[in-house]
Amino acid sequence: MSTDFRSRWLCSAVAASLLLMATSCFAPGVEELGCPLPLQNSFKGADLGSGGAVDPDPSVSAGLRADGEIVTLSVRLELPEGGNTYSQDPGFSRPTKIVLRDLVGLAAVDETFTPNPAPKRSYDDSFQKEVEKHVGVVTWTRRFRVLNGAPASRVSITGAINFLYCK
């Protein structure tokens, strides 16, 4: 990552927050739940004097997969070439956070989200230290159990992903 003013500004000023909502996407007997989840993107590419050319934004999608009574929520982040975000390491000042606000008909099996691929540790010029970074595509997953008697039409997950995008 370049250490010029534009890169530092973009890294420190662009924090993304995307709302994820999965409602009525669970159906008995369906293994791959390809329901699109509405995402509200709170930022757009920043024009930092580039003559009007705007870098592409990171892209977030989410989906559910059922395996019996276990449902896996996947949150996929695609970063433009040359960009990165940071791991969920709570020791870092700006970790990626996936916060679930509402679970209907589901109970958590896993306590945290697991990233795939795992982040790679490298030196970051902006923070002037070694940090865990994700580049390219990363998918975080977390498993949930369908509660007894939960009707398929009422199962839902609402939450948000907050991440720092640097280029």
Foldseek 3Di string as FASTA:
>chain_A
DDPDPVQLCQQVPDKKKKKWKDALQFDPPFFWRPDWTDIDTPDAFDCPPPVPDGDHDKDWTWGWGDDPQKIKIKIKIFDPPPKKWADQPPVDPFHKDKFWDDWWQKAFPDPDWDKPPFFDWDADPSVRGIGTMDHGMIMTMTMIGGHPPRDSNGTMIIIMIIIRMGD
